[in-house]
Amino acid sequence: MGGKLPSYHTIHQKSIVLKDVSKSLAHYFSSDRVFLGCTGKQSLRDDIAQSLIVDANLITKLVQQLHPKVPRAIRCYNLGFINSITRNIWSYCNGLEHDGVKEREYVQLLRQEIKTFRKDFKRWRKALMTMDD
């Protein structure tokens, strides 16, 4: 696990990539092309698509709040919240597969982005927490 420690800029860029891939996948799998504009019942895929977009946007916003100038308590909360959200996105991938999507390679692409983000995020989080001590 050697190598250079990821920087804030790297983590922020990866969160933006994760957001873009999530948004694209959500729009692709959503049956409501107007997206969130209807008032009737939504399908499971539409619910998952909506959750993907909300959670991916939230990750990017929370990463922006992880600057060293932000108080430690807020950073700790945001770090834990980002960890939880990435697990949720992984679960949404499982939900899409169980719902019967035929284009599993797109779901695998999102999973790969999550793996990449989480790997670097965990290393960066550990360094950030030890820096505060």
Protein backbone atom coordinates (compact mmCIF):
# COMPACT_ATOMS: atom_id res chain seq x y z
CA MET A 1 0.00 0.00 0.00
CA GLY A 2 2.90 2.30 -0.54
CA GLY A 3 2.90 5.22 -2.84
CA LYS A 4 2.12 8.86 -2.56
CA LEU A 5 -0.59 9.97 -0.17
CA PRO A 6 -3.63 11.38 -2.01
CA SER A 7 -4.13 15.12 -1.61
CA TYR A 8 -7.31 17.07 -0.93
CA HIS A 9 -7.36 18.04 -4.61
CA THR A 10 -7.14 14.38 -5.69
CA ILE A 11 -9.99 13.35 -3.38
CA HIS A 12 -12.10 16.26 -4.59
CA GLN A 13 -11.48 15.34 -8.23
CA LYS A 14 -12.39 11.70 -7.56
CA SER A 15 -15.60 12.79 -5.84
CA ILE A 16 -16.52 14.81 -8.94
CA VAL A 17 -15.82 11.80 -11.18
CA LEU A 18 -17.96 9.64 -8.89
CA LYS A 19 -20.73 12.26 -9.06
CA ASP A 20 -20.57 12.40 -12.88
CA VAL A 21 -20.65 8.62 -13.29
CA SER A 22 -23.50 8.29 -10.77
CA LYS A 23 -25.51 11.01 -12.46
CA SER A 24 -25.01 9.47 -15.90
CA LEU A 25 -25.96 6.02 -14.66
CA ALA A 26 -29.01 7.38 -12.85
CA HIS A 27 -30.27 9.14 -15.95
CA TYR A 28 -29.61 6.09 -18.09
CA PHE A 29 -31.54 3.70 -15.86
CA SER A 30 -34.36 6.07 -14.91
CA SER A 31 -37.64 5.49 -16.73
CA ASP A 32 -38.78 9.02 -15.89
CA ARG A 33 -36.86 11.10 -18.44
CA VAL A 34 -38.15 14.36 -17.02
CA PHE A 35 -36.63 13.01 -13.80
CA LEU A 36 -38.31 13.74 -10.53
CA GLY A 37 -40.94 15.84 -12.23
CA CYS A 38 -43.86 13.44 -11.96
CA THR A 39 -46.12 13.13 -8.95
CA GLY A 40 -47.20 9.52 -9.44
CA LYS A 41 -45.60 6.35 -8.14
CA GLN A 42 -42.01 5.84 -9.06
CA SER A 43 -40.41 2.54 -9.89
CA LEU A 44 -37.59 1.05 -7.84
CA ARG A 45 -35.10 2.11 -10.51
CA ASP A 46 -36.34 5.68 -10.34
CA ASP A 47 -35.95 5.68 -6.56
CA ILE A 48 -32.44 4.28 -6.85
CA ALA A 49 -31.59 6.80 -9.58
CA GLN A 50 -32.81 9.67 -7.42
CA SER A 51 -30.81 8.40 -4.44
CA LEU A 52 -27.68 7.98 -6.57
CA ILE A 53 -27.80 11.61 -7.67
CA VAL A 54 -28.53 12.97 -4.19
CA ASP A 55 -25.82 10.91 -2.50
CA ALA A 56 -23.16 11.56 -5.13
CA ASN A 57 -23.82 15.32 -4.94
CA LEU A 58 -23.64 15.13 -1.17
CA ILE A 59 -20.23 13.41 -1.25
CA THR A 60 -18.79 16.25 -3.32
CA LYS A 61 -20.26 18.88 -1.00
CA LEU A 62 -18.93 17.11 2.08
CA VAL A 63 -15.45 16.72 0.59
CA GLN A 64 -15.42 20.47 0.00
CA GLN A 65 -15.98 20.92 3.75
CA LEU A 66 -12.92 18.86 4.68
CA HIS A 67 -10.36 21.62 4.40
CA PRO A 68 -7.88 21.71 7.29
CA LYS A 69 -9.32 25.07 8.40
CA VAL A 70 -12.67 23.46 9.22
CA PRO A 71 -13.02 22.46 12.91
CA ARG A 72 -12.00 18.89 13.71
CA ALA A 73 -15.46 17.85 14.98
CA ILE A 74 -17.11 18.83 11.70
CA ARG A 75 -14.41 17.06 9.70
CA CYS A 76 -14.83 13.86 11.74
CA TYR A 77 -18.58 13.94 11.20
CA ASN A 78 -18.19 14.54 7.46
CA LEU A 79 -15.57 11.79 7.11
CA GLY A 80 -17.92 9.27 8.71
CA PHE A 81 -20.85 10.49 6.66
CA ILE A 82 -18.89 10.15 3.39
CA ASN A 83 -17.93 6.61 4.37
CA SER A 84 -21.59 5.76 4.96
CA ILE A 85 -22.71 7.35 1.68
CA THR A 86 -20.19 5.36 -0.36
CA ARG A 87 -21.56 2.16 1.19
CA ASN A 88 -25.06 3.32 0.24
CA ILE A 89 -24.01 3.86 -3.37
CA TRP A 90 -22.55 0.36 -3.40
CA SER A 91 -25.93 -0.92 -2.15
CA TYR A 92 -27.70 0.99 -4.93
CA CYS A 93 -25.55 -0.92 -7.41
CA ASN A 94 -26.72 -4.17 -5.83
CA GLY A 95 -30.31 -2.93 -6.03
CA LEU A 96 -29.99 -2.16 -9.72
CA GLU A 97 -28.60 -5.62 -10.40
CA HIS A 98 -31.38 -7.30 -8.40
CA ASP A 99 -33.94 -5.19 -10.26
CA GLY A 100 -32.78 -6.89 -13.43
CA VAL A 101 -30.80 -4.31 -15.38
CA LYS A 102 -29.27 -5.89 -18.43
CA GLU A 103 -26.39 -3.42 -18.77
CA ARG A 104 -24.38 -4.67 -15.80
CA GLU A 105 -21.12 -3.31 -17.20
CA TYR A 106 -22.36 0.21 -16.40
CA VAL A 107 -23.07 -0.82 -12.83
CA GLN A 108 -19.60 -2.38 -12.66
CA LEU A 109 -18.11 0.89 -13.91
CA LEU A 110 -19.75 2.75 -11.01
CA ARG A 111 -18.51 0.08 -8.59
CA GLN A 112 -14.99 0.53 -9.90
CA GLU A 113 -15.21 4.28 -9.35
CA ILE A 114 -16.46 3.68 -5.80
CA LYS A 115 -13.55 1.29 -5.12
CA THR A 116 -11.04 3.81 -6.43
CA PHE A 117 -12.56 6.66 -4.44
CA ARG A 118 -12.83 4.64 -1.21
CA LYS A 119 -9.26 3.34 -1.43
CA ASP A 120 -7.80 6.82 -1.73
CA PHE A 121 -10.33 8.32 0.66
CA LYS A 122 -9.46 5.84 3.42
CA ARG A 123 -5.73 6.55 3.10
CA TRP A 124 -6.36 10.30 3.06
CA ARG A 125 -8.78 10.08 6.03
CA LYS A 126 -6.25 8.16 8.08
CA ALA A 127 -3.55 10.73 7.34
CA LEU A 128 -5.92 13.59 8.07
CA MET A 129 -6.93 12.14 11.44
CA THR A 130 -3.34 11.47 12.53
CA MET A 131 -2.37 14.98 11.47
CA ASP A 132 -4.88 16.40 13.99
CA ASP A 133 -3.48 14.44 16.92
